[in-house]
Amino acid sequence: MKLTNRHKYAIVLFAILLLSQPLYADNHGGSDYQDLNPRVLAAIDKGLEWLQTQQEDSGLFRHHPGMTGLALTAFLHHPGNRYAEADNPFIRKAIKAMLAVQQPNGGIYNAEMQPALPNYNTSVSLMALSATNNPEYDDAIDKAQRFIKSLQITDENDVYFGGIGYGSRESVHDLSNMNMAIQALTESGFDDPEVWQKAVKFLERTQNRSETNDQDWAGDDGGFIYAPDGESKAGEHRSYASMTYAGLLSFIYAKVDRDDPRVQSAVEWIKKHFTVEENYGMGQQGLFYNYHTMAKALKVYGEPTIVDGKGVAHDWYRALAEKLIDEQKPEGFWINENSRWMEQDPVLVTSYALIALATAYPE
């Protein structure tokens, strides 16, 4: 058949329209998870069954209130509510053991352990308590919230103003600690505009965005680093994935609108560097912490698709879920061969993986 000019024009127009669309990495519609959901649920069930075998006679996991809080959160976020506290005595036993170390100041940590990590341990414990939805723990929750709030730096002349560190005024004040504190406060129903306003200033000072970061080191890629003094675990002032997800999640939890330029700058960095193969900028270091924070940040941001720097569109939850399913060991646990930040501990990384899968599980 001889092509007319009209036919040729139509073909060219179709080609232009086709090439103008983002490429898709996965052959699916992005909203249909009928093939994925059963496999995700099976992975979660298998992981939790293994995790339960790791509970000690005391009720704790790894002799550690923070590890216990993280494991409990994984159980309590089961998509089918299979591990509701009222129906599972081992959950109540773990909570009782965890609350046995709540300090007079409200913090939930073992003061005899070194390092005690008061903020980290209190934050993850608080997230677990709030996930029970049990008013029996309201008093413990209130005390823990007030303890975390008390750790915030309120001196406006301090470079760490608004930050929450490991648990003392003299300790390191970093975005990882800050993010855990913000997660715990928000997810337990805490809401104090003054705390959020101070937190936002700290977050600004950890973002590579010179327009809103008043520190001399600030760049302009929109990603986040470890601390306001310019420290980055990825190298001098260099943004990396886990902290950028932490920054994005913290901004949104601290009531910054998702369309705010600071939020959008973080999202643009994530789009350019999106991957589930590594903690971008850090390789395999902190990989499962990255998965955990990625899932929570992108879920709360609310877009199911990420278009990367090459124009490839990713259904991020499917990509993350497929990766985690592939990496799960036959026994049900996960482990990171890179030991940094304790990620060779299967209880820790299995908890991270399970929370990541459950957090973004399609409702």
Protein backbone atom coordinates (compact mmCIF):
# COMPACT_ATOMS: atom_id res chain seq x y z
CA MET A 1 0.00 0.00 0.00
CA LYS A 2 1.35 3.41 -0.97
CA LEU A 3 1.60 5.82 1.96
CA THR A 4 0.00 9.20 1.47
CA ASN A 5 1.38 12.34 3.06
CA ARG A 6 -1.45 12.09 5.59
CA HIS A 7 -0.37 8.53 6.52
CA LYS A 8 3.25 9.62 6.82
CA TYR A 9 2.28 12.53 9.03
CA ALA A 10 0.24 10.26 11.30
CA ILE A 11 3.14 7.80 11.65
CA VAL A 12 5.61 10.56 12.49
CA LEU A 13 3.19 12.08 15.02
CA PHE A 14 2.66 8.68 16.67
CA ALA A 15 6.41 8.14 16.89
CA ILE A 16 6.92 11.54 18.50
CA LEU A 17 4.20 10.87 21.05
CA LEU A 18 5.64 7.44 21.82
CA LEU A 19 9.16 8.74 22.32
CA SER A 20 7.93 11.56 24.52
CA GLN A 21 6.55 9.10 27.08
CA PRO A 22 8.73 7.73 29.88
CA LEU A 23 10.11 4.25 29.39
CA TYR A 24 8.76 1.59 31.72
CA ALA A 25 11.08 -0.76 33.54
CA ASP A 26 8.29 -3.13 34.50
CA ASN A 27 5.57 -4.54 32.27
CA HIS A 28 2.57 -3.77 34.44
CA GLY A 29 0.01 -1.10 35.02
CA GLY A 30 1.41 0.07 38.34
CA SER A 31 -1.85 -0.35 40.28
CA ASP A 32 -2.57 -4.04 39.79
CA TYR A 33 -0.75 -6.14 42.37
CA GLN A 34 -2.82 -9.32 42.14
CA ASP A 35 0.29 -11.27 41.13
CA LEU A 36 2.53 -9.59 43.71
CA ASN A 37 0.41 -9.36 46.86
CA PRO A 38 0.26 -13.10 47.64
CA ARG A 39 4.04 -13.40 47.29
CA VAL A 40 4.62 -10.35 49.48
CA LEU A 41 2.27 -11.68 52.14
CA ALA A 42 3.98 -15.08 52.02
CA ALA A 43 7.38 -13.39 52.47
CA ILE A 44 6.06 -11.36 55.41
CA ASP A 45 4.54 -14.42 57.07
CA LYS A 46 7.71 -16.45 56.61
CA GLY A 47 9.85 -13.62 57.95
CA LEU A 48 7.69 -13.11 61.02
CA GLU A 49 7.61 -16.83 61.75
CA TRP A 50 11.41 -16.82 61.77
CA LEU A 51 11.55 -13.62 63.80
CA GLN A 52 9.36 -15.08 66.51
CA THR A 53 11.91 -17.86 67.04
CA GLN A 54 14.45 -15.20 68.00
CA GLN A 55 12.57 -13.98 71.05
CA GLU A 56 14.39 -14.68 74.30
CA ASP A 57 12.85 -16.08 77.47
CA SER A 58 12.89 -12.56 78.93
CA GLY A 59 10.57 -11.40 76.15
CA LEU A 60 13.24 -9.24 74.55
CA PHE A 61 14.98 -9.64 71.22
CA ARG A 62 18.79 -9.54 71.40
CA HIS A 63 18.60 -8.42 75.09
CA HIS A 64 17.79 -5.01 73.64
CA PRO A 65 14.72 -2.75 74.09
CA GLY A 66 15.35 -1.00 70.79
CA MET A 67 15.72 -4.22 68.82
CA THR A 68 12.59 -5.44 70.57
CA GLY A 69 10.69 -2.31 69.58
CA LEU A 70 11.72 -2.71 65.97
CA ALA A 71 10.74 -6.39 65.91
CA LEU A 72 7.40 -5.64 67.58
CA THR A 73 6.66 -2.97 64.99
CA ALA A 74 7.21 -5.57 62.27
CA PHE A 75 4.69 -7.92 63.91
CA LEU A 76 2.14 -5.21 64.61
CA HIS A 77 2.20 -3.93 61.03
CA HIS A 78 1.22 -7.27 59.51
CA PRO A 79 -1.18 -6.37 56.64
CA GLY A 80 -3.76 -8.89 57.84
CA ASN A 81 -3.39 -7.93 61.52
CA ARG A 82 -2.37 -11.52 62.19
CA TYR A 83 -0.28 -10.49 65.17
CA ALA A 84 -2.76 -8.32 67.04
CA GLU A 85 -1.50 -7.78 70.56
CA ALA A 86 -4.63 -9.14 72.25
CA ASP A 87 -4.33 -12.47 70.44
CA ASN A 88 -0.60 -13.04 70.85
CA PRO A 89 0.81 -13.47 74.37
CA PHE A 90 4.39 -13.26 73.09
CA ILE A 91 3.68 -9.70 71.89
CA ARG A 92 2.46 -8.67 75.33
CA LYS A 93 5.47 -10.37 76.92
CA ALA A 94 7.83 -8.36 74.70
CA ILE A 95 6.04 -5.10 75.49
CA LYS A 96 6.20 -5.82 79.22
CA ALA A 97 9.94 -6.49 78.99
CA MET A 98 10.47 -3.35 76.94
CA LEU A 99 8.53 -1.16 79.37
CA ALA A 100 10.46 -2.62 82.30
CA VAL A 101 13.38 -0.41 81.27
CA GLN A 102 11.38 2.81 80.89
CA GLN A 103 13.35 5.37 82.87
CA PRO A 104 11.97 8.01 85.26
CA ASN A 105 12.66 10.60 82.54
CA GLY A 106 10.31 8.73 80.18
CA GLY A 107 13.00 7.30 77.94
CA ILE A 108 12.82 3.60 77.08
CA TYR A 109 16.38 2.33 77.17
CA ASN A 110 18.72 0.31 79.33
CA ALA A 111 20.96 2.83 81.04
CA GLU A 112 23.48 0.09 81.84
CA MET A 113 24.01 -0.80 78.19
CA GLN A 114 26.81 0.94 76.32
CA PRO A 115 26.02 2.72 74.19
CA ALA A 116 22.60 3.35 75.71
CA LEU A 117 21.27 5.19 72.61
CA PRO A 118 18.36 6.77 74.51
CA ASN A 119 16.74 8.47 71.51
CA TYR A 120 16.97 5.55 69.07
CA ASN A 121 15.68 3.04 71.62
CA THR A 122 12.89 5.27 72.86
CA SER A 123 11.82 6.17 69.34
CA VAL A 124 11.51 2.60 68.04
CA SER A 125 9.85 1.51 71.29
CA LEU A 126 7.38 4.37 70.99
CA MET A 127 6.51 3.35 67.42
CA ALA A 128 5.79 -0.18 68.64
CA LEU A 129 3.62 0.99 71.52
CA SER A 130 1.59 3.28 69.29
CA ALA A 131 1.05 0.46 66.79
CA THR A 132 -0.85 -1.55 69.42
CA ASN A 133 -3.66 1.04 69.53
CA ASN A 134 -4.08 0.00 73.14
CA PRO A 135 -5.00 2.78 75.61
CA GLU A 136 -3.31 0.73 78.33
CA TYR A 137 -0.01 2.20 77.12
CA ASP A 138 -1.12 5.84 76.87
CA ASP A 139 0.81 6.90 79.97
CA ALA A 140 4.03 5.22 78.79
CA ILE A 141 3.56 6.79 75.35
CA ASP A 142 3.05 10.26 76.81
CA LYS A 143 6.19 9.95 78.94
CA ALA A 144 8.24 8.74 75.96
CA GLN A 145 6.97 11.60 73.79
CA ARG A 146 7.93 14.16 76.42
CA PHE A 147 11.37 12.60 76.78
CA ILE A 148 12.05 12.81 73.04
CA LYS A 149 10.82 16.40 72.95
CA SER A 150 13.17 17.27 75.81
CA LEU A 151 16.16 16.22 73.69
CA GLN A 152 15.56 18.87 71.01
CA ILE A 153 18.18 21.62 70.78
CA THR A 154 16.45 24.97 71.40
CA ASP A 155 19.44 27.35 71.25
CA GLU A 156 18.98 29.29 68.00
CA ASN A 157 22.72 30.06 67.87
CA ASP A 158 23.59 26.36 67.78
CA VAL A 159 24.25 24.89 64.33
CA TYR A 160 22.25 21.87 65.51
CA PHE A 161 19.24 24.01 66.48
CA GLY A 162 16.04 21.95 66.21
CA GLY A 163 17.90 18.67 66.15
CA ILE A 164 17.54 15.58 68.29
CA GLY A 165 20.64 13.46 68.78
CA TYR A 166 21.52 10.20 70.46
CA GLY A 167 20.19 11.33 73.80
CA SER A 168 22.27 14.01 75.46
CA ARG A 169 23.05 17.63 74.74
CA GLU A 170 26.69 16.72 74.16
CA SER A 171 26.03 13.85 71.74
CA VAL A 172 26.09 13.87 67.96
CA HIS A 173 22.98 15.46 66.46
CA ASP A 174 22.33 13.91 63.08
CA LEU A 175 19.56 13.36 60.56
CA SER A 176 19.28 9.64 61.28
CA ASN A 177 18.47 10.26 64.95
CA MET A 178 16.26 13.19 64.03
CA ASN A 179 14.29 11.13 61.53
CA MET A 180 13.66 8.32 64.02
CA ALA A 181 12.44 10.84 66.58
CA ILE A 182 10.11 12.54 64.09
CA GLN A 183 8.73 9.18 62.99
CA ALA A 184 8.06 8.16 66.58
CA LEU A 185 6.41 11.44 67.54
CA THR A 186 4.22 11.61 64.44
CA GLU A 187 3.17 7.97 64.45
CA SER A 188 2.25 8.14 68.13
CA GLY A 189 -0.05 11.10 67.58
CA PHE A 190 2.20 13.86 68.92
CA ASP A 191 1.65 17.28 67.38
CA ASP A 192 3.41 20.44 68.50
CA PRO A 193 3.91 23.19 65.88
CA GLU A 194 6.89 24.64 67.74
CA VAL A 195 8.70 21.30 67.70
CA TRP A 196 8.05 20.94 63.97
CA GLN A 197 9.21 24.49 63.21
CA LYS A 198 12.49 23.89 65.02
CA ALA A 199 12.87 20.51 63.34
CA VAL A 200 12.43 22.06 59.89
CA LYS A 201 15.37 24.41 60.49
CA PHE A 202 17.54 21.41 61.35
CA LEU A 203 16.32 19.58 58.24
CA GLU A 204 17.11 22.60 56.06
CA ARG A 205 20.67 22.52 57.35
CA THR A 206 21.14 18.91 56.30
CA GLN A 207 19.85 19.44 52.76
CA ASN A 208 22.09 20.30 49.83
CA ARG A 209 19.95 23.27 48.87
CA SER A 210 21.78 26.56 49.31
CA GLU A 211 18.60 28.57 48.78
CA THR A 212 17.28 27.42 52.17
CA ASN A 213 20.41 26.03 53.89
CA ASP A 214 22.37 28.84 55.56
CA GLN A 215 25.55 26.76 55.99
CA ASP A 216 28.56 27.54 53.80
CA TRP A 217 29.03 23.93 52.69
CA ALA A 218 25.57 23.62 51.12
CA GLY A 219 25.33 22.56 47.49
CA ASP A 220 22.30 22.48 45.24
CA ASP A 221 21.45 18.90 44.31
CA GLY A 222 18.48 18.70 46.72
CA GLY A 223 19.69 15.56 48.51
CA PHE A 224 20.52 15.20 52.19
CA ILE A 225 23.61 14.47 54.24
CA TYR A 226 24.17 13.24 57.79
CA ALA A 227 24.56 16.42 59.86
CA PRO A 228 24.28 20.22 59.68
CA ASP A 229 28.01 20.66 60.21
CA GLY A 230 28.59 19.22 56.74
CA GLU A 231 29.33 15.62 57.77
CA SER A 232 28.33 13.01 55.20
CA LYS A 233 28.96 9.29 55.47
CA ALA A 234 29.26 9.27 51.66
CA GLY A 235 32.14 11.75 51.55
CA GLU A 236 32.50 15.48 51.93
CA HIS A 237 29.06 17.11 51.79
CA ARG A 238 27.85 14.40 49.41
CA SER A 239 24.13 13.52 49.39
CA TYR A 240 23.14 9.88 49.68
CA ALA A 241 19.95 7.86 49.43
CA SER A 242 19.13 6.79 52.98
CA MET A 243 19.54 10.32 54.34
CA THR A 244 17.58 11.81 51.45
CA TYR A 245 14.68 9.45 52.13
CA ALA A 246 15.01 10.35 55.82
CA GLY A 247 14.91 14.05 54.95
CA LEU A 248 11.88 13.65 52.69
CA LEU A 249 9.96 11.66 55.29
CA SER A 250 10.92 14.10 58.05
CA PHE A 251 9.82 17.15 56.08
CA ILE A 252 6.40 15.67 55.37
CA TYR A 253 5.92 14.41 58.93
CA ALA A 254 6.93 17.87 60.20
CA LYS A 255 3.99 19.35 58.25
CA VAL A 256 5.89 20.69 55.23
CA ASP A 257 3.63 20.52 52.19
CA ARG A 258 4.56 17.94 49.56
CA ASP A 259 4.59 20.70 46.91
CA ASP A 260 7.04 22.81 48.89
CA PRO A 261 10.27 23.49 46.92
CA ARG A 262 12.36 21.84 49.66
CA VAL A 263 10.33 18.64 49.37
CA GLN A 264 10.36 18.75 45.59
CA SER A 265 14.14 19.21 45.55
CA ALA A 266 14.50 16.02 47.59
CA VAL A 267 12.10 14.19 45.27
CA GLU A 268 14.08 15.30 42.22
CA TRP A 269 17.28 13.94 43.76
CA ILE A 270 15.53 10.64 44.44
CA LYS A 271 14.24 10.47 40.88
CA LYS A 272 17.72 11.01 39.45
CA HIS A 273 19.30 8.33 41.62
CA PHE A 274 16.51 5.83 42.21
CA THR A 275 17.66 2.24 42.67
CA VAL A 276 16.89 -0.76 44.87
CA GLU A 277 20.29 -2.32 44.20
CA GLU A 278 22.17 -0.16 46.68
CA ASN A 279 21.97 2.67 49.16
CA TYR A 280 22.97 5.15 46.48
CA GLY A 281 26.18 6.89 47.48
CA MET A 282 26.95 4.23 50.11
CA GLY A 283 26.83 0.99 48.13
CA GLN A 284 25.70 -1.89 50.33
CA GLN A 285 26.29 0.00 53.59
CA GLY A 286 23.06 0.67 55.44
CA LEU A 287 21.08 -1.03 52.67
CA PHE A 288 18.18 -2.32 54.77
CA TYR A 289 17.88 0.89 56.75
CA ASN A 290 17.61 2.50 53.34
CA TYR A 291 14.85 0.10 52.25
CA HIS A 292 12.92 0.78 55.46
CA THR A 293 13.19 4.55 55.11
CA MET A 294 12.53 4.48 51.35
CA ALA A 295 9.25 2.62 51.82
CA LYS A 296 8.00 4.96 54.51
CA ALA A 297 9.06 8.14 52.69
CA LEU A 298 7.69 7.24 49.27
CA LYS A 299 4.48 5.88 50.78
CA VAL A 300 3.76 9.12 52.62
CA TYR A 301 4.79 11.18 49.58
CA GLY A 302 2.08 9.35 47.71
CA GLU A 303 3.30 8.82 44.13
CA PRO A 304 3.35 5.16 42.99
CA THR A 305 5.78 5.79 40.13
CA ILE A 306 9.30 7.20 40.14
CA VAL A 307 10.77 8.30 36.79
CA ASP A 308 14.55 8.09 37.07
CA GLY A 309 17.26 10.21 35.50
CA LYS A 310 17.19 8.10 32.32
CA GLY A 311 13.47 8.54 31.83
CA VAL A 312 12.71 5.01 33.05
CA ALA A 313 9.55 4.81 35.17
CA HIS A 314 9.58 2.48 38.17
CA ASP A 315 6.67 1.23 40.20
CA TRP A 316 8.84 1.69 43.25
CA TYR A 317 6.89 -0.64 45.54
CA ARG A 318 6.97 -3.48 43.05
CA ALA A 319 10.70 -2.94 42.48
CA LEU A 320 11.38 -2.91 46.22
CA ALA A 321 9.14 -5.87 46.98
CA GLU A 322 10.62 -8.00 44.19
CA LYS A 323 14.11 -7.20 45.43
CA LEU A 324 13.29 -8.13 49.02
CA ILE A 325 11.52 -11.33 48.00
CA ASP A 326 14.58 -12.32 45.98
CA GLU A 327 16.93 -11.58 48.88
CA GLN A 328 14.98 -13.44 51.57
CA LYS A 329 16.78 -16.53 52.86
CA PRO A 330 15.01 -19.93 52.75
CA GLU A 331 14.66 -19.84 56.54
CA GLY A 332 12.75 -16.56 56.29
CA PHE A 333 15.28 -13.98 57.42
CA TRP A 334 17.28 -11.30 55.61
CA ILE A 335 20.92 -10.33 56.17
CA ASN A 336 23.33 -7.77 54.76
CA GLU A 337 26.83 -9.12 54.11
CA ASN A 338 28.10 -5.60 54.80
CA SER A 339 28.36 -5.27 58.56
CA ARG A 340 28.23 -1.50 58.92
CA TRP A 341 25.54 -0.21 61.28
CA MET A 342 24.92 -3.74 62.60
CA GLU A 343 23.35 -4.93 59.35
CA GLN A 344 24.86 -8.39 59.63
CA ASP A 345 22.39 -8.96 62.44
CA PRO A 346 19.43 -10.80 60.86
CA VAL A 347 16.98 -9.68 63.57
CA LEU A 348 17.69 -6.05 62.76
CA VAL A 349 17.58 -6.30 58.97
CA THR A 350 14.65 -8.73 58.94
CA SER A 351 12.69 -6.19 60.98
CA TYR A 352 13.66 -3.44 58.53
CA ALA A 353 12.65 -5.57 55.54
CA LEU A 354 9.32 -6.60 57.03
CA ILE A 355 8.39 -3.05 57.98
CA ALA A 356 9.29 -1.89 54.47
CA LEU A 357 7.08 -4.55 52.87
CA ALA A 358 4.15 -3.96 55.22
CA THR A 359 4.33 -0.16 55.24
CA ALA A 360 3.67 0.16 51.52
CA TYR A 361 1.56 -2.99 51.10
CA PRO A 362 -1.33 -1.99 48.80
CA GLU A 363 -4.49 -1.52 50.83
